[in-house]
Amino acid sequence: MSNDNAQETTSVRPLALRIIFGVLWFVPIYLVVQIAVGAIVGALASAGTTSYEEGFAAGQAASIAFFQRFGGLVLAFEVILTIVLSWFGILPGTAKYKR
């Protein structure tokens, strides 16, 4: 009887389903990293301004310039992060065994 319970709790999740969950997890990871990087770059660029309007304009310009120059590297980081987290089963739905 206990052997049946052990088999039920450790059933293998299909590889295709794990890949689909990994691809779906890319969207929130992409959004969170893009927002965080843009906010940090914008905050650093607008730190020396004296008014809200100047700070907003400086932050927006710096964020656009940063992503034009380093957007590919940020995207590569996001893809690698998603693959690594999915490979090790850290993201929900990507683990080899159902919990």
PDB file of N, CA and C in Angstrom:
ATOM      1  N   MET A   1       0.801  -1.186   0.000  1.00  0.00           N
ATOM      2  CA  MET A   1       0.000   0.000   0.000  1.00  0.00           C
ATOM      3  C   MET A   1       0.855   1.265   0.000  1.00  0.00           C
ATOM      4  N   SER A   2       1.879   1.306   0.824  1.00  0.00           N
ATOM      5  CA  SER A   2       2.731   2.488   0.880  1.00  0.00           C
ATOM      6  C   SER A   2       3.508   2.666  -0.414  1.00  0.00           C
ATOM      7  N   ASN A   3       3.760   1.575  -1.137  1.00  0.00           N
ATOM      8  CA  ASN A   3       4.446   1.651  -2.413  1.00  0.00           C
ATOM      9  C   ASN A   3       3.588   2.379  -3.448  1.00  0.00           C
ATOM     10  N   ASP A   4       2.268   2.177  -3.413  1.00  0.00           N
ATOM     11  CA  ASP A   4       1.366   2.874  -4.342  1.00  0.00           C
ATOM     12  C   ASP A   4       1.357   4.371  -4.078  1.00  0.00           C
ATOM     13  N   ASN A   5       1.363   4.756  -2.816  1.00  0.00           N
ATOM     14  CA  ASN A   5       1.388   6.175  -2.475  1.00  0.00           C
ATOM     15  C   ASN A   5       2.686   6.825  -2.919  1.00  0.00           C
ATOM     16  N   ALA A   6       3.791   6.116  -2.789  1.00  0.00           N
ATOM     17  CA  ALA A   6       5.077   6.659  -3.212  1.00  0.00           C
ATOM     18  C   ALA A   6       5.111   6.848  -4.718  1.00  0.00           C
ATOM     19  N   GLN A   7       4.497   5.921  -5.458  1.00  0.00           N
ATOM     20  CA  GLN A   7       4.480   6.033  -6.913  1.00  0.00           C
ATOM     21  C   GLN A   7       3.606   7.199  -7.350  1.00  0.00           C
ATOM     22  N   GLU A   8       2.496   7.447  -6.677  1.00  0.00           N
ATOM     23  CA  GLU A   8       1.607   8.550  -7.028  1.00  0.00           C
ATOM     24  C   GLU A   8       2.274   9.905  -6.792  1.00  0.00           C
ATOM     25  N   THR A   9       3.017  10.050  -5.717  1.00  0.00           N
ATOM     26  CA  THR A   9       3.621  11.335  -5.401  1.00  0.00           C
ATOM     27  C   THR A   9       4.841  11.633  -6.267  1.00  0.00           C
ATOM     28  N   THR A  10       5.409  10.610  -6.902  1.00  0.00           N
ATOM     29  CA  THR A  10       6.595  10.842  -7.724  1.00  0.00           C
ATOM     30  C   THR A  10       6.325  10.548  -9.202  1.00  0.00           C
ATOM     31  N   SER A  11       5.115  10.808  -9.684  1.00  0.00           N
ATOM     32  CA  SER A  11       4.831  10.560 -11.093  1.00  0.00           C
ATOM     33  C   SER A  11       5.585  11.573 -11.950  1.00  0.00           C
ATOM     34  N   VAL A  12       6.047  11.105 -13.100  1.00  0.00           N
ATOM     35  CA  VAL A  12       6.885  11.918 -13.976  1.00  0.00           C
ATOM     36  C   VAL A  12       6.006  12.840 -14.818  1.00  0.00           C
ATOM     37  N   ARG A  13       6.406  14.105 -14.874  1.00  0.00           N
ATOM     38  CA  ARG A  13       5.704  15.093 -15.704  1.00  0.00           C
ATOM     39  C   ARG A  13       6.253  14.978 -17.125  1.00  0.00           C
ATOM     40  N   PRO A  14       5.392  14.963 -18.147  1.00  0.00           N
ATOM     41  CA  PRO A  14       5.867  14.843 -19.537  1.00  0.00           C
ATOM     42  C   PRO A  14       6.795  15.998 -19.932  1.00  0.00           C
ATOM     43  N   LEU A  15       7.803  15.676 -20.745  1.00  0.00           N
ATOM     44  CA  LEU A  15       8.791  16.673 -21.170  1.00  0.00           C
ATOM     45  C   LEU A  15       8.143  17.821 -21.929  1.00  0.00           C
ATOM     46  N   ALA A  16       7.180  17.518 -22.801  1.00  0.00           N
ATOM     47  CA  ALA A  16       6.514  18.570 -23.579  1.00  0.00           C
ATOM     48  C   ALA A  16       5.809  19.569 -22.661  1.00  0.00           C
ATOM     49  N   LEU A  17       5.182  19.075 -21.622  1.00  0.00           N
ATOM     50  CA  LEU A  17       4.505  19.957 -20.671  1.00  0.00           C
ATOM     51  C   LEU A  17       5.507  20.831 -19.920  1.00  0.00           C
ATOM     52  N   ARG A  18       6.639  20.238 -19.562  1.00  0.00           N
ATOM     53  CA  ARG A  18       7.684  21.016 -18.877  1.00  0.00           C
ATOM     54  C   ARG A  18       8.224  22.121 -19.779  1.00  0.00           C
ATOM     55  N   ILE A  19       8.393  21.828 -21.063  1.00  0.00           N
ATOM     56  CA  ILE A  19       8.872  22.842 -22.016  1.00  0.00           C
ATOM     57  C   ILE A  19       7.842  23.950 -22.181  1.00  0.00           C
ATOM     58  N   ILE A  20       6.567  23.575 -22.279  1.00  0.00           N
ATOM     59  CA  ILE A  20       5.507  24.584 -22.416  1.00  0.00           C
ATOM     60  C   ILE A  20       5.483  25.507 -21.203  1.00  0.00           C
ATOM     61  N   PHE A  21       5.592  24.932 -20.010  1.00  0.00           N
ATOM     62  CA  PHE A  21       5.618  25.766 -18.802  1.00  0.00           C
ATOM     63  C   PHE A  21       6.841  26.679 -18.786  1.00  0.00           C
ATOM     64  N   GLY A  22       7.979  26.182 -19.241  1.00  0.00           N
ATOM     65  CA  GLY A  22       9.176  27.023 -19.311  1.00  0.00           C
ATOM     66  C   GLY A  22       8.993  28.195 -20.251  1.00  0.00           C
ATOM     67  N   VAL A  23       8.376  27.944 -21.408  1.00  0.00           N
ATOM     68  CA  VAL A  23       8.126  29.023 -22.371  1.00  0.00           C
ATOM     69  C   VAL A  23       7.127  30.026 -21.799  1.00  0.00           C
ATOM     70  N   LEU A  24       6.102  29.525 -21.123  1.00  0.00           N
ATOM     71  CA  LEU A  24       5.123  30.430 -20.518  1.00  0.00           C
ATOM     72  C   LEU A  24       5.742  31.274 -19.407  1.00  0.00           C
ATOM     73  N   TRP A  25       6.679  30.702 -18.671  1.00  0.00           N
ATOM     74  CA  TRP A  25       7.335  31.454 -17.597  1.00  0.00           C
ATOM     75  C   TRP A  25       8.256  32.546 -18.135  1.00  0.00           C
ATOM     76  N   PHE A  26       8.638  32.460 -19.408  1.00  0.00           N
ATOM     77  CA  PHE A  26       9.505  33.491 -19.979  1.00  0.00           C
ATOM     78  C   PHE A  26       8.816  34.858 -19.961  1.00  0.00           C
ATOM     79  N   VAL A  27       7.509  34.895 -20.181  1.00  0.00           N
ATOM     80  CA  VAL A  27       6.784  36.178 -20.265  1.00  0.00           C
ATOM     81  C   VAL A  27       6.883  36.981 -18.969  1.00  0.00           C
ATOM     82  N   PRO A  28       6.526  36.433 -17.801  1.00  0.00           N
ATOM     83  CA  PRO A  28       6.673  37.255 -16.588  1.00  0.00           C
ATOM     84  C   PRO A  28       8.126  37.564 -16.240  1.00  0.00           C
ATOM     85  N   ILE A  29       9.044  36.633 -16.534  1.00  0.00           N
ATOM     86  CA  ILE A  29      10.454  36.913 -16.276  1.00  0.00           C
ATOM     87  C   ILE A  29      10.911  38.075 -17.148  1.00  0.00           C
ATOM     88  N   TYR A  30      10.522  38.065 -18.419  1.00  0.00           N
ATOM     89  CA  TYR A  30      10.863  39.146 -19.342  1.00  0.00           C
ATOM     90  C   TYR A  30      10.334  40.485 -18.823  1.00  0.00           C
ATOM     91  N   LEU A  31       9.072  40.514 -18.439  1.00  0.00           N
ATOM     92  CA  LEU A  31       8.468  41.768 -17.970  1.00  0.00           C
ATOM     93  C   LEU A  31       9.132  42.285 -16.700  1.00  0.00           C
ATOM     94  N   VAL A  32       9.374  41.420 -15.743  1.00  0.00           N
ATOM     95  CA  VAL A  32       9.963  41.847 -14.471  1.00  0.00           C
ATOM     96  C   VAL A  32      11.387  42.375 -14.674  1.00  0.00           C
ATOM     97  N   VAL A  33      12.188  41.677 -15.469  1.00  0.00           N
ATOM     98  CA  VAL A  33      13.569  42.122 -15.686  1.00  0.00           C
ATOM     99  C   VAL A  33      13.597  43.429 -16.470  1.00  0.00           C
ATOM    100  N   GLN A  34      12.754  43.560 -17.491  1.00  0.00           N
ATOM    101  CA  GLN A  34      12.715  44.798 -18.269  1.00  0.00           C
ATOM    102  C   GLN A  34      12.312  45.989 -17.400  1.00  0.00           C
ATOM    103  N   ILE A  35      11.302  45.800 -16.576  1.00  0.00           N
ATOM    104  CA  ILE A  35      10.851  46.885 -15.691  1.00  0.00           C
ATOM    105  C   ILE A  35      11.934  47.235 -14.677  1.00  0.00           C
ATOM    106  N   ALA A  36      12.555  46.221 -14.083  1.00  0.00           N
ATOM    107  CA  ALA A  36      13.576  46.477 -13.057  1.00  0.00           C
ATOM    108  C   ALA A  36      14.794  47.178 -13.649  1.00  0.00           C
ATOM    109  N   VAL A  37      15.275  46.702 -14.799  1.00  0.00           N
ATOM    110  CA  VAL A  37      16.449  47.329 -15.417  1.00  0.00           C
ATOM    111  C   VAL A  37      16.126  48.755 -15.854  1.00  0.00           C
ATOM    112  N   GLY A  38      14.971  48.946 -16.472  1.00  0.00           N
ATOM    113  CA  GLY A  38      14.579  50.291 -16.893  1.00  0.00           C
ATOM    114  C   GLY A  38      14.437  51.249 -15.720  1.00  0.00           C
ATOM    115  N   ALA A  39      13.887  50.761 -14.618  1.00  0.00           N
ATOM    116  CA  ALA A  39      13.730  51.611 -13.434  1.00  0.00           C
ATOM    117  C   ALA A  39      15.077  51.975 -12.822  1.00  0.00           C
ATOM    118  N   ILE A  40      15.977  51.013 -12.753  1.00  0.00           N
ATOM    119  CA  ILE A  40      17.300  51.287 -12.169  1.00  0.00           C
ATOM    120  C   ILE A  40      18.075  52.268 -13.040  1.00  0.00           C
ATOM    121  N   VAL A  41      18.069  52.044 -14.348  1.00  0.00           N
ATOM    122  CA  VAL A  41      18.786  52.951 -15.257  1.00  0.00           C
ATOM    123  C   VAL A  41      18.173  54.349 -15.201  1.00  0.00           C
ATOM    124  N   GLY A  42      16.855  54.416 -15.205  1.00  0.00           N
ATOM    125  CA  GLY A  42      16.182  55.710 -15.133  1.00  0.00           C
ATOM    126  C   GLY A  42      16.443  56.434 -13.828  1.00  0.00           C
ATOM    127  N   ALA A  43      16.455  55.702 -12.733  1.00  0.00           N
ATOM    128  CA  ALA A  43      16.712  56.329 -11.431  1.00  0.00           C
ATOM    129  C   ALA A  43      18.139  56.850 -11.329  1.00  0.00           C
ATOM    130  N   LEU A  44      19.083  56.075 -11.852  1.00  0.00           N
ATOM    131  CA  LEU A  44      20.470  56.538 -11.816  1.00  0.00           C
ATOM    132  C   LEU A  44      20.675  57.777 -12.688  1.00  0.00           C
ATOM    133  N   ALA A  45      19.998  57.819 -13.829  1.00  0.00           N
ATOM    134  CA  ALA A  45      20.162  58.962 -14.728  1.00  0.00           C
ATOM    135  C   ALA A  45      19.493  60.221 -14.196  1.00  0.00           C
ATOM    136  N   SER A  46      18.419  60.054 -13.458  1.00  0.00           N
ATOM    137  CA  SER A  46      17.683  61.230 -12.992  1.00  0.00           C
ATOM    138  C   SER A  46      18.079  61.660 -11.586  1.00  0.00           C
ATOM    139  N   ALA A  47      19.090  61.054 -11.016  1.00  0.00           N
ATOM    140  CA  ALA A  47      19.474  61.362  -9.636  1.00  0.00           C
ATOM    141  C   ALA A  47      19.975  62.793  -9.462  1.00  0.00           C
ATOM    142  N   GLY A  48      20.588  63.361 -10.483  1.00  0.00           N
ATOM    143  CA  GLY A  48      21.162  64.690 -10.334  1.00  0.00           C
ATOM    144  C   GLY A  48      20.255  65.828 -10.783  1.00  0.00           C
ATOM    145  N   THR A  49      19.003  65.540 -11.102  1.00  0.00           N
ATOM    146  CA  THR A  49      18.107  66.597 -11.582  1.00  0.00           C
ATOM    147  C   THR A  49      17.431  67.291 -10.406  1.00  0.00           C
ATOM    148  N   THR A  50      16.868  68.470 -10.702  1.00  0.00           N
ATOM    149  CA  THR A  50      16.261  69.273  -9.636  1.00  0.00           C
ATOM    150  C   THR A  50      14.747  69.265  -9.660  1.00  0.00           C
ATOM    151  N   SER A  51      14.125  68.865 -10.766  1.00  0.00           N
ATOM    152  CA  SER A  51      12.662  68.853 -10.824  1.00  0.00           C
ATOM    153  C   SER A  51      12.181  67.509 -11.349  1.00  0.00           C
ATOM    154  N   TYR A  52      10.892  67.267 -11.144  1.00  0.00           N
ATOM    155  CA  TYR A  52      10.302  66.014 -11.586  1.00  0.00           C
ATOM    156  C   TYR A  52      10.367  65.880 -13.105  1.00  0.00           C
ATOM    157  N   GLU A  53      10.042  66.962 -13.815  1.00  0.00           N
ATOM    158  CA  GLU A  53      10.023  66.921 -15.272  1.00  0.00           C
ATOM    159  C   GLU A  53      11.405  66.630 -15.847  1.00  0.00           C
ATOM    160  N   GLU A  54      12.431  67.265 -15.288  1.00  0.00           N
ATOM    161  CA  GLU A  54      13.799  67.007 -15.746  1.00  0.00           C
ATOM    162  C   GLU A  54      14.208  65.558 -15.447  1.00  0.00           C
ATOM    163  N   GLY A  55      13.863  65.092 -14.268  1.00  0.00           N
ATOM    164  CA  GLY A  55      14.191  63.724 -13.889  1.00  0.00           C
ATOM    165  C   GLY A  55      13.490  62.707 -14.763  1.00  0.00           C
ATOM    166  N   PHE A  56      12.210  62.961 -15.068  1.00  0.00           N
ATOM    167  CA  PHE A  56      11.467  62.049 -15.928  1.00  0.00           C
ATOM    168  C   PHE A  56      12.075  62.003 -17.318  1.00  0.00           C
ATOM    169  N   ALA A  57      12.374  63.165 -17.869  1.00  0.00           N
ATOM    170  CA  ALA A  57      12.951  63.224 -19.219  1.00  0.00           C
ATOM    171  C   ALA A  57      14.334  62.567 -19.261  1.00  0.00           C
ATOM    172  N   ALA A  58      15.148  62.830 -18.253  1.00  0.00           N
ATOM    173  CA  ALA A  58      16.490  62.240 -18.211  1.00  0.00           C
ATOM    174  C   ALA A  58      16.412  60.721 -18.045  1.00  0.00           C
ATOM    175  N   GLY A  59      15.531  60.246 -17.179  1.00  0.00           N
ATOM    176  CA  GLY A  59      15.381  58.815 -16.959  1.00  0.00           C
ATOM    177  C   GLY A  59      14.849  58.091 -18.176  1.00  0.00           C
ATOM    178  N   GLN A  60      13.876  58.691 -18.834  1.00  0.00           N
ATOM    179  CA  GLN A  60      13.309  58.078 -20.035  1.00  0.00           C
ATOM    180  C   GLN A  60      14.352  58.002 -21.150  1.00  0.00           C
ATOM    181  N   ALA A  61      15.072  59.083 -21.355  1.00  0.00           N
ATOM    182  CA  ALA A  61      16.097  59.102 -22.405  1.00  0.00           C
ATOM    183  C   ALA A  61      17.208  58.087 -22.110  1.00  0.00           C
ATOM    184  N   ALA A  62      17.615  58.006 -20.849  1.00  0.00           N
ATOM    185  CA  ALA A  62      18.672  57.063 -20.482  1.00  0.00           C
ATOM    186  C   ALA A  62      18.207  55.617 -20.639  1.00  0.00           C
ATOM    187  N   SER A  63      16.971  55.341 -20.266  1.00  0.00           N
ATOM    188  CA  SER A  63      16.444  53.989 -20.391  1.00  0.00           C
ATOM    189  C   SER A  63      16.340  53.563 -21.852  1.00  0.00           C
ATOM    190  N   ILE A  64      15.871  54.456 -22.705  1.00  0.00           N
ATOM    191  CA  ILE A  64      15.773  54.155 -24.140  1.00  0.00           C
ATOM    192  C   ILE A  64      17.156  53.927 -24.727  1.00  0.00           C
ATOM    193  N   ALA A  65      18.097  54.793 -24.388  1.00  0.00           N
ATOM    194  CA  ALA A  65      19.458  54.644 -24.906  1.00  0.00           C
ATOM    195  C   ALA A  65      20.102  53.346 -24.406  1.00  0.00           C
ATOM    196  N   PHE A  66      19.851  53.002 -23.140  1.00  0.00           N
ATOM    197  CA  PHE A  66      20.428  51.776 -22.587  1.00  0.00           C
ATOM    198  C   PHE A  66      19.907  50.547 -23.319  1.00  0.00           C
ATOM    199  N   PHE A  67      18.589  50.493 -23.525  1.00  0.00           N
ATOM    200  CA  PHE A  67      18.019  49.315 -24.177  1.00  0.00           C
ATOM    201  C   PHE A  67      18.363  49.253 -25.663  1.00  0.00           C
ATOM    202  N   GLN A  68      18.591  50.399 -26.290  1.00  0.00           N
ATOM    203  CA  GLN A  68      19.045  50.363 -27.683  1.00  0.00           C
ATOM    204  C   GLN A  68      20.456  49.787 -27.777  1.00  0.00           C
ATOM    205  N   ARG A  69      21.257  50.068 -26.779  1.00  0.00           N
ATOM    206  CA  ARG A  69      22.635  49.596 -26.812  1.00  0.00           C
ATOM    207  C   ARG A  69      22.796  48.186 -26.229  1.00  0.00           C
ATOM    208  N   PHE A  70      22.136  47.909 -25.114  1.00  0.00           N
ATOM    209  CA  PHE A  70      22.331  46.652 -24.398  1.00  0.00           C
ATOM    210  C   PHE A  70      21.082  45.773 -24.354  1.00  0.00           C
ATOM    211  N   GLY A  71      20.083  46.084 -25.155  1.00  0.00           N
ATOM    212  CA  GLY A  71      18.844  45.308 -25.128  1.00  0.00           C
ATOM    213  C   GLY A  71      19.046  43.852 -25.477  1.00  0.00           C
ATOM    214  N   GLY A  72      19.942  43.569 -26.416  1.00  0.00           N
ATOM    215  CA  GLY A  72      20.220  42.187 -26.792  1.00  0.00           C
ATOM    216  C   GLY A  72      20.832  41.390 -25.657  1.00  0.00           C
ATOM    217  N   LEU A  73      21.729  42.029 -24.906  1.00  0.00           N
ATOM    218  CA  LEU A  73      22.340  41.345 -23.761  1.00  0.00           C
ATOM    219  C   LEU A  73      21.325  41.087 -22.650  1.00  0.00           C
ATOM    220  N   VAL A  74      20.442  42.044 -22.431  1.00  0.00           N
ATOM    221  CA  VAL A  74      19.412  41.866 -21.414  1.00  0.00           C
ATOM    222  C   VAL A  74      18.478  40.731 -21.828  1.00  0.00           C
ATOM    223  N   LEU A  75      18.106  40.687 -23.098  1.00  0.00           N
ATOM    224  CA  LEU A  75      17.245  39.613 -23.592  1.00  0.00           C
ATOM    225  C   LEU A  75      17.942  38.259 -23.471  1.00  0.00           C
ATOM    226  N   ALA A  76      19.216  38.198 -23.809  1.00  0.00           N
ATOM    227  CA  ALA A  76      19.967  36.946 -23.682  1.00  0.00           C
ATOM    228  C   ALA A  76      20.005  36.499 -22.220  1.00  0.00           C
ATOM    229  N   PHE A  77      20.201  37.441 -21.303  1.00  0.00           N
ATOM    230  CA  PHE A  77      20.188  37.111 -19.875  1.00  0.00           C
ATOM    231  C   PHE A  77      18.839  36.544 -19.465  1.00  0.00           C
ATOM    232  N   GLU A  78      17.752  37.139 -19.949  1.00  0.00           N
ATOM    233  CA  GLU A  78      16.413  36.667 -19.604  1.00  0.00           C
ATOM    234  C   GLU A  78      16.166  35.257 -20.140  1.00  0.00           C
ATOM    235  N   VAL A  79      16.594  35.000 -21.357  1.00  0.00           N
ATOM    236  CA  VAL A  79      16.422  33.664 -21.944  1.00  0.00           C
ATOM    237  C   VAL A  79      17.241  32.635 -21.165  1.00  0.00           C
ATOM    238  N   ILE A  80      18.501  32.952 -20.870  1.00  0.00           N
ATOM    239  CA  ILE A  80      19.359  32.023 -20.127  1.00  0.00           C
ATOM    240  C   ILE A  80      18.807  31.786 -18.725  1.00  0.00           C
ATOM    241  N   LEU A  81      18.332  32.841 -18.071  1.00  0.00           N
ATOM    242  CA  LEU A  81      17.759  32.700 -16.737  1.00  0.00           C
ATOM    243  C   LEU A  81      16.547  31.780 -16.766  1.00  0.00           C
ATOM    244  N   THR A  82      15.674  31.952 -17.748  1.00  0.00           N
ATOM    245  CA  THR A  82      14.490  31.098 -17.861  1.00  0.00           C
ATOM    246  C   THR A  82      14.880  29.648 -18.124  1.00  0.00           C
ATOM    247  N   ILE A  83      15.855  29.432 -19.003  1.00  0.00           N
ATOM    248  CA  ILE A  83      16.293  28.070 -19.309  1.00  0.00           C
ATOM    249  C   ILE A  83      16.893  27.401 -18.079  1.00  0.00           C
ATOM    250  N   VAL A  84      17.736  28.113 -17.355  1.00  0.00           N
ATOM    251  CA  VAL A  84      18.378  27.531 -16.169  1.00  0.00           C
ATOM    252  C   VAL A  84      17.338  27.217 -15.088  1.00  0.00           C
ATOM    253  N   LEU A  85      16.438  28.153 -14.823  1.00  0.00           N
ATOM    254  CA  LEU A  85      15.421  27.919 -13.801  1.00  0.00           C
ATOM    255  C   LEU A  85      14.477  26.793 -14.200  1.00  0.00           C
ATOM    256  N   SER A  86      14.199  26.657 -15.496  1.00  0.00           N
ATOM    257  CA  SER A  86      13.353  25.562 -15.967  1.00  0.00           C
ATOM    258  C   SER A  86      14.096  24.240 -15.928  1.00  0.00           C
ATOM    259  N   TRP A  87      15.352  24.241 -16.323  1.00  0.00           N
ATOM    260  CA  TRP A  87      16.151  23.017 -16.362  1.00  0.00           C
ATOM    261  C   TRP A  87      16.249  22.370 -14.970  1.00  0.00           C
ATOM    262  N   PHE A  88      16.457  23.198 -13.964  1.00  0.00           N
ATOM    263  CA  PHE A  88      16.584  22.680 -12.607  1.00  0.00           C
ATOM    264  C   PHE A  88      15.234  22.503 -11.915  1.00  0.00           C
ATOM    265  N   GLY A  89      14.141  22.834 -12.591  1.00  0.00           N
ATOM    266  CA  GLY A  89      12.814  22.619 -12.041  1.00  0.00           C
ATOM    267  C   GLY A  89      12.437  23.579 -10.941  1.00  0.00           C
ATOM    268  N   ILE A  90      13.040  24.750 -10.927  1.00  0.00           N
ATOM    269  CA  ILE A  90      12.753  25.731  -9.885  1.00  0.00           C
ATOM    270  C   ILE A  90      11.423  26.436 -10.165  1.00  0.00           C
ATOM    271  N   LEU A  91      11.148  26.703 -11.430  1.00  0.00           N
ATOM    272  CA  LEU A  91       9.887  27.346 -11.791  1.00  0.00           C
ATOM    273  C   LEU A  91       8.741  26.351 -11.665  1.00  0.00           C
ATOM    274  N   PRO A  92       7.577  26.797 -11.174  1.00  0.00           N
ATOM    275  CA  PRO A  92       6.436  25.888 -11.043  1.00  0.00           C
ATOM    276  C   PRO A  92       6.060  25.270 -12.407  1.00  0.00           C
ATOM    277  N   GLY A  93       5.831  23.968 -12.387  1.00  0.00           N
ATOM    278  CA  GLY A  93       5.438  23.256 -13.599  1.00  0.00           C
ATOM    279  C   GLY A  93       6.595  22.717 -14.416  1.00  0.00           C
ATOM    280  N   THR A  94       7.819  23.025 -14.041  1.00  0.00           N
ATOM    281  CA  THR A  94       8.968  22.593 -14.829  1.00  0.00           C
ATOM    282  C   THR A  94       9.766  21.471 -14.170  1.00  0.00           C
ATOM    283  N   ALA A  95       9.369  21.050 -12.998  1.00  0.00           N
ATOM    284  CA  ALA A  95      10.076  19.971 -12.303  1.00  0.00           C
ATOM    285  C   ALA A  95       9.796  18.637 -13.004  1.00  0.00           C
ATOM    286  N   LYS A  96      10.749  17.734 -12.925  1.00  0.00           N
ATOM    287  CA  LYS A  96      10.598  16.431 -13.578  1.00  0.00           C
ATOM    288  C   LYS A  96       9.495  15.609 -12.909  1.00  0.00           C
ATOM    289  N   TYR A  97       9.436  15.693 -11.600  1.00  0.00           N
ATOM    290  CA  TYR A  97       8.429  14.930 -10.862  1.00  0.00           C
ATOM    291  C   TYR A  97       7.392  15.871 -10.289  1.00  0.00           C
ATOM    292  N   LYS A  98       6.133  15.439 -10.335  1.00  0.00           N
ATOM    293  CA  LYS A  98       5.063  16.220  -9.731  1.00  0.00           C
ATOM    294  C   LYS A  98       5.206  16.152  -8.219  1.00  0.00           C
ATOM    295  N   ARG A  99       4.887  17.248  -7.559  1.00  0.00           N
ATOM    296  CA  ARG A  99       5.013  17.277  -6.093  1.00  0.00           C
ATOM    297  C   ARG A  99       3.663  17.201  -5.445  1.00  0.00           C
TER     298      ARG A  99
END
